[in-house]
Protein backbone atom coordinates (compact mmCIF):
# COMPACT_ATOMS: atom_id res chain seq x y z
CA UNK A 1 -16.74 -31.36 -18.90
CA UNK A 2 -18.26 -28.35 -20.65
CA UNK A 3 -18.72 -25.30 -18.48
CA UNK A 4 -20.51 -22.14 -19.91
CA UNK A 5 -18.97 -18.69 -19.53
CA UNK A 6 -21.32 -17.62 -16.75
CA UNK A 7 -20.13 -20.53 -14.60
CA UNK A 8 -16.50 -19.73 -15.38
CA UNK A 9 -16.96 -16.14 -14.19
CA UNK A 10 -18.45 -17.47 -10.99
CA UNK A 11 -15.70 -19.79 -10.31
CA UNK A 12 -13.14 -17.14 -11.06
CA UNK A 13 -14.80 -14.78 -8.69
CA UNK A 14 -15.10 -17.47 -5.86
CA UNK A 15 -11.68 -16.87 -4.24
CA UNK A 16 -12.28 -13.16 -3.94
CA UNK A 17 -15.89 -13.67 -2.62
CA UNK A 18 -14.56 -16.21 -0.21
CA UNK A 19 -11.91 -13.94 1.22
CA UNK A 20 -14.50 -11.15 1.66
CA UNK A 21 -17.12 -13.49 3.31
CA UNK A 22 -14.57 -15.10 5.64
CA UNK A 23 -12.78 -12.00 6.68
CA UNK A 24 -15.31 -9.17 6.34
CA UNK A 25 -18.54 -10.93 7.08
CA UNK A 26 -17.64 -13.91 9.36
CA UNK A 27 -14.63 -11.93 10.86
CA UNK A 28 -12.18 -14.84 10.57
CA UNK A 29 -8.56 -14.02 11.16
CA UNK A 30 -6.31 -14.01 8.07
CA UNK A 31 -4.12 -16.75 9.48
CA UNK A 32 -7.28 -18.94 9.37
CA UNK A 33 -9.09 -17.50 6.26
CA UNK A 34 -6.19 -17.49 3.78
CA UNK A 35 -5.22 -21.18 4.02
CA UNK A 36 -8.79 -22.21 3.40
CA UNK A 37 -9.12 -19.82 0.49
CA UNK A 38 -5.76 -21.17 -0.87
CA UNK A 39 -7.20 -24.79 -0.83
CA UNK A 40 -10.46 -23.72 -2.51
CA UNK A 41 -8.33 -21.83 -5.12
CA UNK A 42 -6.29 -24.97 -5.79
CA UNK A 43 -9.45 -27.03 -6.43
CA UNK A 44 -10.80 -24.46 -8.84
CA UNK A 45 -7.57 -24.22 -10.77
CA UNK A 46 -7.08 -28.01 -10.96
CA UNK A 47 -10.74 -29.09 -11.56
CA UNK A 48 -12.23 -26.22 -13.57
CA UNK A 49 -9.32 -24.51 -15.21
CA UNK A 50 -7.28 -27.84 -15.70
CA UNK A 51 -4.20 -26.23 -14.34
CA UNK A 52 -1.46 -28.81 -14.07
CA UNK A 53 -0.32 -29.63 -10.55
CA UNK A 54 3.32 -28.67 -11.50
CA UNK A 55 2.07 -25.05 -12.15
CA UNK A 56 -0.04 -24.99 -8.93
CA UNK A 57 2.97 -26.13 -6.96
CA UNK A 58 5.23 -23.67 -8.75
CA UNK A 59 2.92 -20.80 -8.07
CA UNK A 60 2.78 -21.75 -4.43
CA UNK A 61 6.45 -21.86 -4.11
CA UNK A 62 6.73 -18.54 -5.88
CA UNK A 63 4.24 -17.18 -3.36
CA UNK A 64 6.37 -18.41 -0.52
CA UNK A 65 9.47 -16.55 -1.77
CA UNK A 66 7.48 -13.27 -2.31
CA UNK A 67 5.98 -13.62 1.13
CA UNK A 68 9.38 -13.81 2.69
CA UNK A 69 10.33 -10.69 0.74
CA UNK A 70 7.32 -8.87 2.12
CA UNK A 71 7.90 -10.07 5.71
CA UNK A 72 11.45 -8.91 5.61
CA UNK A 73 10.18 -5.36 5.01
CA UNK A 74 7.69 -5.81 7.99
CA UNK A 75 10.52 -7.24 10.23
CA UNK A 76 12.82 -4.43 9.32
CA UNK A 77 10.07 -1.71 10.07
CA UNK A 78 9.28 -3.27 13.43
CA UNK A 79 12.89 -3.66 14.33
CA UNK A 80 13.65 -0.05 13.40
CA UNK A 81 10.73 1.25 15.43
CA UNK A 82 11.75 -0.75 18.51
CA UNK A 83 15.32 0.49 18.33
CA UNK A 84 14.04 4.01 18.06
CA UNK A 85 11.94 3.20 21.13
CA UNK A 86 14.72 1.98 23.20
CA UNK A 87 17.19 4.62 22.06
CA UNK A 88 14.88 7.48 22.93
CA UNK A 89 14.08 8.57 19.37
CA UNK A 90 10.35 8.01 19.59
CA UNK A 91 10.18 10.21 22.64
CA UNK A 92 11.99 13.05 20.91
CA UNK A 93 9.83 12.68 17.75
CA UNK A 94 6.74 12.73 19.92
CA UNK A 95 7.76 15.88 21.85
CA UNK A 96 8.64 17.60 18.59
CA UNK A 97 5.31 16.76 16.95
CA UNK A 98 3.58 18.01 19.93
CA UNK A 99 5.31 21.34 19.57
CA UNK A 100 4.02 21.49 15.95
CA UNK A 101 0.44 20.42 17.06
CA UNK A 102 -1.08 18.05 19.65
CA UNK A 103 -4.17 17.73 17.52
CA UNK A 104 -4.35 14.17 16.34
CA UNK A 105 -5.94 15.29 13.03
CA UNK A 106 -2.86 17.32 12.14
CA UNK A 107 -0.55 14.54 13.13
CA UNK A 108 -2.23 12.01 10.95
CA UNK A 109 -1.95 14.20 7.92
CA UNK A 110 1.74 14.82 8.49
CA UNK A 111 2.71 11.18 9.22
CA UNK A 112 0.24 9.01 7.17
CA UNK A 113 -0.24 11.25 4.11
CA UNK A 114 2.92 13.31 3.55
CA UNK A 115 5.61 11.24 5.27
CA UNK A 116 3.92 8.02 3.90
CA UNK A 117 3.77 9.67 0.48
CA UNK A 118 7.43 10.47 0.47
CA UNK A 119 8.26 6.94 1.49
CA UNK A 120 5.91 5.49 -1.10
CA UNK A 121 7.62 7.56 -3.76
CA UNK A 122 11.02 6.12 -2.75
CA UNK A 123 10.27 2.46 -2.03
CA UNK A 124 6.66 1.36 -2.90
CA UNK A 125 5.62 -2.26 -2.22
CA UNK A 126 3.78 -1.50 1.09
CA UNK A 127 6.79 0.20 2.75
CA UNK A 128 4.88 3.51 3.45
CA UNK A 129 2.14 1.85 5.61
CA UNK A 130 4.77 -0.39 7.17
CA UNK A 131 6.63 2.71 8.43
CA UNK A 132 3.72 5.07 9.04
CA UNK A 133 1.47 2.76 11.07
CA UNK A 134 3.96 1.98 13.86
CA UNK A 135 5.13 5.50 14.07
CA UNK A 136 1.44 6.65 14.63
CA UNK A 137 1.09 4.09 17.36
CA UNK A 138 4.22 5.26 19.03
CA UNK A 139 2.65 8.68 18.97
CA UNK A 140 -0.44 7.43 20.86
CA UNK A 141 -2.76 6.38 18.13
CA UNK A 142 -4.87 3.23 18.54
CA UNK A 143 -3.30 0.38 16.51
CA UNK A 144 -6.46 -0.19 14.51
CA UNK A 145 -6.79 3.55 13.61
CA UNK A 146 -3.09 3.74 12.64
CA UNK A 147 -3.37 0.77 10.18
CA UNK A 148 -6.63 2.01 8.60
CA UNK A 149 -5.46 5.59 7.97
CA UNK A 150 -1.97 4.50 6.90
CA UNK A 151 -3.56 2.31 4.16
CA UNK A 152 -6.13 4.93 3.09
CA UNK A 153 -3.32 7.48 2.81
CA UNK A 154 -1.25 5.08 0.79
CA UNK A 155 -3.31 5.57 -2.35
CA UNK A 156 -2.53 8.81 -4.15
CA UNK A 157 1.29 8.29 -4.12
CA UNK A 158 1.10 4.66 -5.29
CA UNK A 159 0.61 5.30 -8.98
CA UNK A 160 4.16 6.76 -9.02
CA UNK A 161 5.56 4.75 -6.16
CA UNK A 162 9.05 3.19 -6.07
CA UNK A 163 10.33 5.95 -8.39
CA UNK A 164 7.62 5.45 -10.97
CA UNK A 165 7.85 1.59 -11.17
CA UNK A 166 4.04 1.03 -11.67
CA UNK A 167 4.17 3.21 -14.91
CA UNK A 168 7.71 2.48 -16.07
CA UNK A 169 7.51 -1.24 -15.57
CA UNK A 170 3.81 -2.03 -15.06
CA UNK A 171 2.67 -0.13 -18.30
CA UNK A 172 5.79 0.52 -20.49
CA UNK A 173 6.90 -3.05 -20.51
CA UNK A 174 3.66 -4.40 -21.96
CA UNK A 175 2.23 -1.58 -24.06
CA UNK A 176 3.70 0.88 -26.54
CA UNK A 177 2.00 4.08 -25.51
CA UNK A 178 2.91 7.75 -24.72
CA UNK A 179 3.90 7.45 -21.00
CA UNK A 180 3.96 11.11 -20.52
CA UNK A 181 0.27 11.45 -21.40
CA UNK A 182 -0.56 8.48 -19.18
CA UNK A 183 1.41 10.11 -16.32
CA UNK A 184 -0.31 13.53 -16.93
CA UNK A 185 -3.84 12.12 -16.83
CA UNK A 186 -3.18 9.88 -13.86
CA UNK A 187 -1.85 12.88 -11.84
CA UNK A 188 -4.66 15.04 -12.97
CA UNK A 189 -7.28 12.50 -11.65
CA UNK A 190 -5.31 12.23 -8.39
CA UNK A 191 -5.08 16.00 -8.17
CA UNK A 192 -8.90 16.26 -8.35
CA UNK A 193 -9.71 13.47 -5.94
CA UNK A 194 -6.54 12.92 -3.93
CA UNK A 195 -6.49 16.53 -2.57
CA UNK A 196 -9.38 15.50 -0.28
CA UNK A 197 -7.78 12.30 1.07
CA UNK A 198 -6.47 14.20 4.15
CA UNK A 199 -10.08 15.22 4.89
CA UNK A 200 -11.11 11.60 4.56
CA UNK A 201 -8.43 10.55 7.01
CA UNK A 202 -9.47 12.97 9.66
CA UNK A 203 -13.20 12.10 9.17
CA UNK A 204 -12.27 8.34 9.66
CA UNK A 205 -10.46 9.24 12.92
CA UNK A 206 -13.29 11.42 14.34
CA UNK A 207 -16.15 9.10 13.26
CA UNK A 208 -14.61 5.77 14.33
CA UNK A 209 -12.23 6.61 16.96
CA UNK A 210 -13.46 9.89 18.51
CA UNK A 211 -15.30 10.49 21.77
CA UNK A 212 -18.44 11.81 20.03
CA UNK A 213 -18.14 9.29 17.13
CA UNK A 214 -18.97 12.09 14.63
CA UNK A 215 -17.91 13.26 11.19
CA UNK A 216 -18.44 16.84 12.28
CA UNK A 217 -15.09 17.04 14.12
CA UNK A 218 -13.37 16.03 10.99
CA UNK A 219 -15.22 18.36 8.65
CA UNK A 220 -14.57 21.22 10.98
CA UNK A 221 -10.96 21.37 9.73
CA UNK A 222 -11.69 20.98 6.03
CA UNK A 223 -9.73 24.30 5.06
CA UNK A 224 -6.58 22.89 6.78
CA UNK A 225 -7.18 19.36 5.51
CA UNK A 226 -7.66 20.60 1.82
CA UNK A 227 -4.65 22.97 2.08
CA UNK A 228 -2.55 19.90 3.31
CA UNK A 229 -3.85 17.91 0.29
CA UNK A 230 -2.83 20.64 -2.09
CA UNK A 231 0.64 20.85 -0.41
CA UNK A 232 1.19 17.40 -1.78
CA UNK A 233 -0.95 17.24 -4.99
CA UNK A 234 0.09 20.35 -6.65
CA UNK A 235 3.89 19.71 -6.61
CA UNK A 236 2.85 16.11 -7.40
CA UNK A 237 0.96 17.09 -10.50
CA UNK A 238 3.42 19.65 -11.73
CA UNK A 239 6.27 17.15 -11.38
CA UNK A 240 4.21 14.50 -13.39
CA UNK A 241 3.45 17.01 -16.09
CA UNK A 242 6.96 18.34 -16.57
CA UNK A 243 9.28 15.59 -15.42
CA UNK A 244 7.37 12.23 -15.96
CA UNK A 245 6.56 9.31 -13.69
CA UNK A 246 9.62 8.91 -11.58
CA UNK A 247 9.44 11.69 -8.97
CA UNK A 248 5.87 12.99 -8.41
CA UNK A 249 5.27 11.13 -5.15
CA UNK A 250 8.83 11.85 -3.89
CA UNK A 251 8.59 15.49 -4.65
CA UNK A 252 5.04 15.79 -3.58
CA UNK A 253 5.77 14.17 -0.15
CA UNK A 254 8.98 16.23 0.48
CA UNK A 255 7.58 19.59 -0.58
CA UNK A 256 4.36 18.93 1.10
CA UNK A 257 5.77 17.98 4.61
CA UNK A 258 8.16 20.98 4.57
CA UNK A 259 5.46 23.42 3.50
CA UNK A 260 2.72 22.06 5.87
CA UNK A 261 4.97 22.01 8.92
CA UNK A 262 6.06 25.55 8.10
CA UNK A 263 2.57 26.92 7.69
CA UNK A 264 1.21 24.87 10.67
CA UNK A 265 3.90 26.53 12.92
CA UNK A 266 2.67 29.83 11.69
CA UNK A 267 -0.78 29.05 12.47
CA UNK A 268 -2.20 29.11 8.84
CA UNK A 269 -5.71 27.40 8.83
CA UNK A 270 -4.80 25.48 11.97
CA UNK A 271 -7.83 24.35 13.77
CA UNK A 272 -8.60 26.36 16.92
CA UNK A 273 -9.99 23.42 18.97
CA UNK A 274 -7.75 20.56 19.78
CA UNK A 275 -8.89 17.00 19.00
CA UNK A 276 -7.71 13.81 20.72
CA UNK A 277 -8.75 10.17 21.31
CA UNK A 278 -10.71 9.08 24.29
CA UNK A 279 -8.64 8.02 27.34
CA UNK A 280 -6.79 4.82 26.75
CA UNK A 281 -8.79 3.18 29.56
CA UNK A 282 -11.87 3.63 27.48
CA UNK A 283 -10.48 2.01 24.30
CA UNK A 284 -12.11 -1.20 23.15
CA UNK A 285 -9.98 -4.33 23.07
CA UNK A 286 -9.86 -4.35 19.23
CA UNK A 287 -8.22 -0.82 19.07
CA UNK A 288 -4.97 -1.52 20.76
CA UNK A 289 -1.85 -3.62 21.13
CA UNK A 290 0.95 -3.59 23.57
CA UNK A 291 1.80 0.06 24.39
CA UNK A 292 5.02 1.54 23.40
CA UNK A 293 7.28 2.92 26.21
CA UNK A 294 8.68 6.38 25.53
CA UNK A 295 12.36 6.13 26.80
CA UNK A 296 13.80 9.50 27.36
CA UNK A 297 17.56 9.99 26.85
CA UNK A 298 19.30 13.30 27.53
CA UNK A 299 21.16 15.24 24.78
CA UNK A 300 19.34 13.38 21.97
CA UNK A 301 18.54 15.93 19.34
CA UNK A 302 15.57 15.88 16.97
CA UNK A 303 17.73 15.38 13.85
CA UNK A 304 19.62 12.59 15.58
CA UNK A 305 16.33 11.02 16.55
CA UNK A 306 14.93 11.01 13.07
CA UNK A 307 18.19 10.24 11.32
CA UNK A 308 17.17 6.58 10.93
CA UNK A 309 14.15 7.52 8.89
CA UNK A 310 16.18 9.98 6.91
CA UNK A 311 18.71 7.28 6.22
CA UNK A 312 15.94 4.96 5.08
CA UNK A 313 14.68 7.69 2.62
CA UNK A 314 18.14 8.44 1.32
CA UNK A 315 19.06 4.87 0.76
CA UNK A 316 15.82 4.16 -1.05
CA UNK A 317 16.19 7.28 -3.26
CA UNK A 318 19.80 6.66 -4.24
CA UNK A 319 19.28 2.93 -5.04
CA UNK A 320 16.20 3.71 -7.27
CA UNK A 321 17.26 6.77 -9.24
CA UNK A 322 18.16 5.33 -12.65
CA UNK A 323 20.91 7.71 -13.66
CA UNK A 324 22.99 6.84 -10.64
CA UNK A 325 23.17 3.22 -11.83
CA UNK A 326 23.54 2.07 -8.10
CA UNK A 327 20.36 0.09 -8.27
CA UNK A 328 21.55 -1.94 -11.37
CA UNK A 329 24.77 -2.72 -9.51
CA UNK A 330 22.91 -4.00 -6.48
CA UNK A 331 20.53 -6.01 -8.60
CA UNK A 332 23.46 -8.10 -9.87
CA UNK A 333 23.56 -9.85 -6.62
CA UNK A 334 20.39 -11.76 -6.71
CA UNK A 335 18.60 -15.02 -6.25
CA UNK A 336 17.26 -16.23 -9.54
CA UNK A 337 14.84 -19.20 -9.93
CA UNK A 338 13.61 -19.73 -13.37
CA UNK A 339 11.86 -23.05 -13.04
CA UNK A 340 10.08 -25.07 -10.31
CA UNK A 341 8.60 -28.41 -11.11
CA UNK A 342 9.42 -27.79 -14.79
CA UNK A 343 7.21 -24.75 -14.72
CA UNK A 344 8.64 -21.32 -15.61
CA UNK A 345 8.09 -18.83 -12.72
CA UNK A 346 11.01 -16.42 -13.52
CA UNK A 347 11.36 -15.36 -9.75
CA UNK A 348 14.22 -12.96 -8.88
CA UNK A 349 15.18 -11.56 -5.46
CA UNK A 350 17.74 -8.85 -5.49
CA UNK A 351 19.04 -9.10 -1.99
CA UNK A 352 20.81 -5.81 -1.56
CA UNK A 353 18.15 -3.93 -3.50
CA UNK A 354 15.33 -5.07 -1.27
CA UNK A 355 13.75 -2.36 1.06
CA UNK A 356 13.74 -4.89 3.86
CA UNK A 357 17.55 -5.35 3.62
CA UNK A 358 18.00 -1.56 3.52
CA UNK A 359 15.85 -1.29 6.68
CA UNK A 360 18.16 -3.84 8.34
CA UNK A 361 21.14 -1.89 7.33
CA UNK A 362 19.75 1.24 8.87
CA UNK A 363 18.86 -0.79 12.00
CA UNK A 364 22.44 -1.74 12.52
CA UNK A 365 23.51 1.80 12.04
CA UNK A 366 20.73 2.97 14.53
CA UNK A 367 22.16 0.84 17.24
CA UNK A 368 25.30 3.05 17.24
CA UNK A 369 23.64 6.35 16.42
CA UNK A 370 21.05 5.89 19.27
CA UNK A 371 23.53 4.01 21.55
CA UNK A 372 21.24 1.12 22.24
CA UNK A 373 22.91 -1.36 24.63
CA UNK A 374 23.43 -5.04 23.67
CA UNK A 375 20.92 -6.28 26.13
CA UNK A 376 18.13 -4.03 24.63
CA UNK A 377 19.20 -5.14 21.12
CA UNK A 378 18.62 -8.81 21.92
CA UNK A 379 15.28 -7.91 23.52
CA UNK A 380 14.07 -6.03 20.42
CA UNK A 381 15.27 -8.83 18.12
CA UNK A 382 13.28 -11.42 19.99
CA UNK A 383 10.22 -9.29 20.19
CA UNK A 384 10.42 -8.46 16.46
CA UNK A 385 10.72 -12.11 15.46
CA UNK A 386 7.80 -12.96 17.71
CA UNK A 387 5.60 -10.30 16.05
CA UNK A 388 6.09 -11.69 12.46
CA UNK A 389 5.26 -15.38 13.21
CA UNK A 390 1.52 -15.39 12.39
CA UNK A 391 1.59 -12.75 9.69
CA UNK A 392 4.18 -14.84 7.91
CA UNK A 393 1.89 -17.83 7.83
CA UNK A 394 -1.07 -15.67 6.62
CA UNK A 395 1.11 -13.99 4.08
CA UNK A 396 2.52 -17.23 2.66
CA UNK A 397 -0.93 -18.51 1.80
CA UNK A 398 -2.25 -15.12 0.69
CA UNK A 399 0.50 -14.58 -1.90
CA UNK A 400 0.48 -18.32 -2.95
CA UNK A 401 -3.19 -18.13 -3.93
CA UNK A 402 -2.47 -14.80 -5.69
CA UNK A 403 0.18 -16.45 -7.71
CA UNK A 404 -2.22 -19.27 -8.65
CA UNK A 405 -4.75 -16.78 -9.84
CA UNK A 406 -2.22 -14.87 -11.91
CA UNK A 407 -0.56 -18.08 -13.37
CA UNK A 408 -3.96 -19.78 -13.97
CA UNK A 409 -3.49 -18.88 -17.80
CA UNK A 410 -1.20 -21.94 -17.83
CA UNK A 411 -3.95 -24.46 -18.28
CA UNK A 412 -4.85 -27.42 -20.51
CA UNK A 413 -8.10 -25.76 -21.76
CA UNK A 414 -6.54 -22.52 -22.99
CA UNK A 415 -8.75 -20.42 -20.63
CA UNK A 416 -7.60 -16.92 -19.88
CA UNK A 417 -6.39 -16.49 -16.25
CA UNK A 418 -9.14 -15.96 -13.59
CA UNK A 419 -8.55 -12.26 -13.01
CA UNK A 420 -8.37 -11.57 -16.79
CA UNK A 421 -11.67 -13.42 -17.38
CA UNK A 422 -13.37 -11.29 -14.66
CA UNK A 423 -12.01 -8.12 -16.35
CA UNK A 424 -13.43 -9.27 -19.66
CA UNK A 425 -16.74 -10.17 -18.20
CA UNK A 426 -16.95 -6.57 -16.69
CA UNK A 427 -16.00 -4.99 -20.04
CA UNK A 428 -18.65 -6.94 -21.88
CA UNK A 429 -21.40 -6.03 -19.43
CA UNK A 430 -20.58 -2.21 -19.30
CA UNK A 431 -20.07 -1.35 -23.02
CA UNK A 432 -19.98 2.48 -23.74
CA UNK A 433 -19.78 3.33 -20.00
CA UNK A 434 -16.71 1.13 -19.55
CA UNK A 435 -14.38 4.00 -18.40
CA UNK A 436 -16.53 4.32 -15.34
CA UNK A 437 -15.49 0.80 -14.31
CA UNK A 438 -11.83 0.74 -15.67
CA UNK A 439 -10.50 1.98 -12.35
CA UNK A 440 -12.40 -0.89 -10.53
CA UNK A 441 -10.44 -3.37 -12.64
CA UNK A 442 -7.21 -1.83 -11.53
CA UNK A 443 -8.47 -1.78 -8.06
CA UNK A 444 -9.32 -5.43 -8.05
CA UNK A 445 -5.87 -6.23 -9.49
CA UNK A 446 -4.17 -4.51 -6.56
CA UNK A 447 -6.66 -6.05 -4.04
CA UNK A 448 -5.67 -9.47 -5.26
CA UNK A 449 -1.89 -8.99 -5.81
CA UNK A 450 -1.18 -6.14 -3.37
CA UNK A 451 0.82 -4.23 -6.18
CA UNK A 452 -0.11 -1.54 -8.53
CA UNK A 453 2.77 -2.59 -10.67
CA UNK A 454 1.45 -6.18 -10.93
CA UNK A 455 -2.14 -4.84 -11.51
CA UNK A 456 -0.83 -2.76 -14.45
CA UNK A 457 1.28 -5.64 -15.78
CA UNK A 458 -1.73 -7.93 -15.56
CA UNK A 459 -4.58 -5.69 -16.89
CA UNK A 460 -2.60 -3.00 -18.87
CA UNK A 461 -2.82 -4.77 -22.29
CA UNK A 462 -6.53 -5.81 -21.66
CA UNK A 463 -7.45 -2.21 -20.80
CA UNK A 464 -5.58 -0.90 -23.87
CA UNK A 465 -7.31 -3.47 -26.20
CA UNK A 466 -10.71 -2.69 -24.70
CA UNK A 467 -10.22 0.97 -25.23
CA UNK A 468 -9.22 0.39 -28.85
CA UNK A 469 -12.24 -1.81 -29.52
CA UNK A 470 -14.62 0.72 -28.01
CA UNK A 471 -12.83 3.54 -30.00
CA UNK A 472 -12.04 5.58 -26.85
CA UNK A 473 -8.69 7.01 -25.66
CA UNK A 474 -6.38 4.22 -24.63
CA UNK A 475 -4.21 6.77 -22.80
CA UNK A 476 -7.09 7.84 -20.48
CA UNK A 477 -8.12 4.25 -19.85
CA UNK A 478 -4.59 3.33 -18.85
CA UNK A 479 -4.51 6.43 -16.60
CA UNK A 480 -7.68 5.04 -14.97
CA UNK A 481 -5.98 1.68 -14.63
CA UNK A 482 -3.04 3.29 -12.84
CA UNK A 483 -5.25 5.22 -10.58
CA UNK A 484 -7.52 2.23 -9.79
CA UNK A 485 -4.41 0.08 -9.00
CA UNK A 486 -3.14 2.71 -6.58
CA UNK A 487 -6.59 2.89 -4.76
CA UNK A 488 -6.64 -0.92 -4.40
CA UNK A 489 -3.73 -0.60 -2.03
CA UNK A 490 -6.32 0.57 0.68
CA UNK A 491 -7.76 -2.98 0.63
CA UNK A 492 -4.96 -5.16 -0.63
CA UNK A 493 -5.01 -8.23 1.52
CA UNK A 494 -1.20 -8.73 2.11
CA UNK A 495 -0.72 -4.96 2.66
CA UNK A 496 -3.26 -5.16 5.46
CA UNK A 497 -1.64 -8.15 6.97
CA UNK A 498 1.74 -6.58 6.73
CA UNK A 499 0.67 -3.20 8.14
CA UNK A 500 -1.19 -4.93 11.00
CA UNK A 501 1.90 -6.97 11.89
CA UNK A 502 4.09 -3.86 12.24
CA UNK A 503 1.91 -2.77 15.15
CA UNK A 504 1.11 -6.17 16.54
CA UNK A 505 -2.51 -6.12 15.55
CA UNK A 506 -4.05 -9.49 14.69
CA UNK A 507 -7.53 -10.69 13.80
CA UNK A 508 -8.77 -7.17 12.61
CA UNK A 509 -8.16 -7.75 8.96
CA UNK A 510 -11.71 -8.23 7.98
CA UNK A 511 -12.80 -5.15 9.79
CA UNK A 512 -10.07 -3.08 8.01
CA UNK A 513 -11.31 -4.34 4.58
CA UNK A 514 -14.90 -3.46 5.44
CA UNK A 515 -13.95 0.08 6.53
CA UNK A 516 -11.41 0.77 3.72
CA UNK A 517 -13.61 -0.65 1.03
CA UNK A 518 -15.86 2.40 1.24
CA UNK A 519 -13.33 5.12 0.34
CA UNK A 520 -11.66 2.80 -2.06
CA UNK A 521 -14.81 2.19 -4.09
CA UNK A 522 -15.91 5.89 -3.87
CA UNK A 523 -12.34 6.99 -5.17
CA UNK A 524 -12.49 4.43 -7.99
CA UNK A 525 -15.97 5.52 -9.07
CA UNK A 526 -15.05 9.21 -8.96
CA UNK A 527 -12.02 8.50 -11.08
CA UNK A 528 -14.24 6.68 -13.47
CA UNK A 529 -16.65 9.75 -13.70
CA UNK A 530 -13.67 12.04 -14.39
CA UNK A 531 -12.54 9.55 -17.03
CA UNK A 532 -15.86 9.69 -18.74
CA UNK A 533 -15.83 13.45 -18.75
CA UNK A 534 -12.23 13.66 -20.08
CA UNK A 535 -13.02 11.09 -22.87
CA UNK A 536 -16.16 13.07 -23.91
CA UNK A 537 -14.57 16.58 -23.95
């Protein structure tokens, strides 16, 4: 059977289109849409790509293991939140934030953008949204709003997430290029665009979840929103320029949250009018989940209440800073699977290095710190296990089909993998204006895989070779890839499923994709325009 290149591109695009149609257009739940897409992907891989069944089976098994890794993070985030709830920590955090500001626009910037940025810099891999979204719900945000803003906020820090892993592993391991230059241009692009992400967050809140459904109430606080963006992006950019890719998000988040809380308390650029959501009785069904009870315990200080989150941050940092070598030591205890069905999948799971395991360690410590009684511990364990049941099913099929797409280069016809074929098709269509679309390729990579690191690994060499062929700066093109891969986290399917699971939100995945696709595409296109300007300077 001979298939021309146009049809090959169509078939390669079909799994992505099917996901979008089923979830964003037909509004199917992920637990229903992803198994069907997985089946369709198997047929395409087997019949069109001539991918052996052994490789399809191996890819599915690898997807199962990765899905369990992800759900472990989700479970740890849910369990930690519920222990904080029972131990009175959420009540104290809530009251403290109210003393800083009762304005929901201010709260979303502090929690989703700055706290989330710090956690992303330490851990990556969807951890930031998994922590920020449930914390926002505990503070009184609608669950749908919490997930949307947590994912949109989890964009700027992602290029340098997990202590620089997307650059150090995603690009360095496949391409011999000046990483400091890639880091500089990536941070510069984020500085120009990412400074306005807090303004985007508040506009999403006021337009979609406000009483008046208006952008105006979000735009009203633009001086404060832009200032909060600069609190993060300036130390972020300076760290990238002088220190490299490991610490921009960590330092940006830490400096930003300290600086913004200080200036907010001093009243600097703080909005005069207070903004809040409508009364909970007026919330549509799709906004909410089971409400969180704010248990109050006497003599529980603020620092003791937030100590579990501080412990998470400290453990993530010390296990991921290279010169301490603690991470290398923890990685020695790992599950390694090199072959499944005689197909090489090279899967490794470092148990003690996993953010999910670190969450569980902090959960155990939190039981004693917050003095949660055994009966309540059993209750939160049961509730947490219940919440991950359906997300686990959706994640298994999501990550399985992703692995089939990535490993589809292992075929009898010597076709490139499906995502790489799509990237080559885009490059051949765009020609000299290719830099405008380079971030979109990175974004598609993260949308499919849920990881900027994987997107960089997958498309980094292709982007470099395309830049060399077009005689344009490979460094700037790789920076656009790294930025686009970060932006793709806003719409990454398994990140959406995971973040939704942490707040008990089900069946809203398609709506989240539709909403977040707008800022994601705009961000990617603006990055492409900046890339064109930089290349032509």
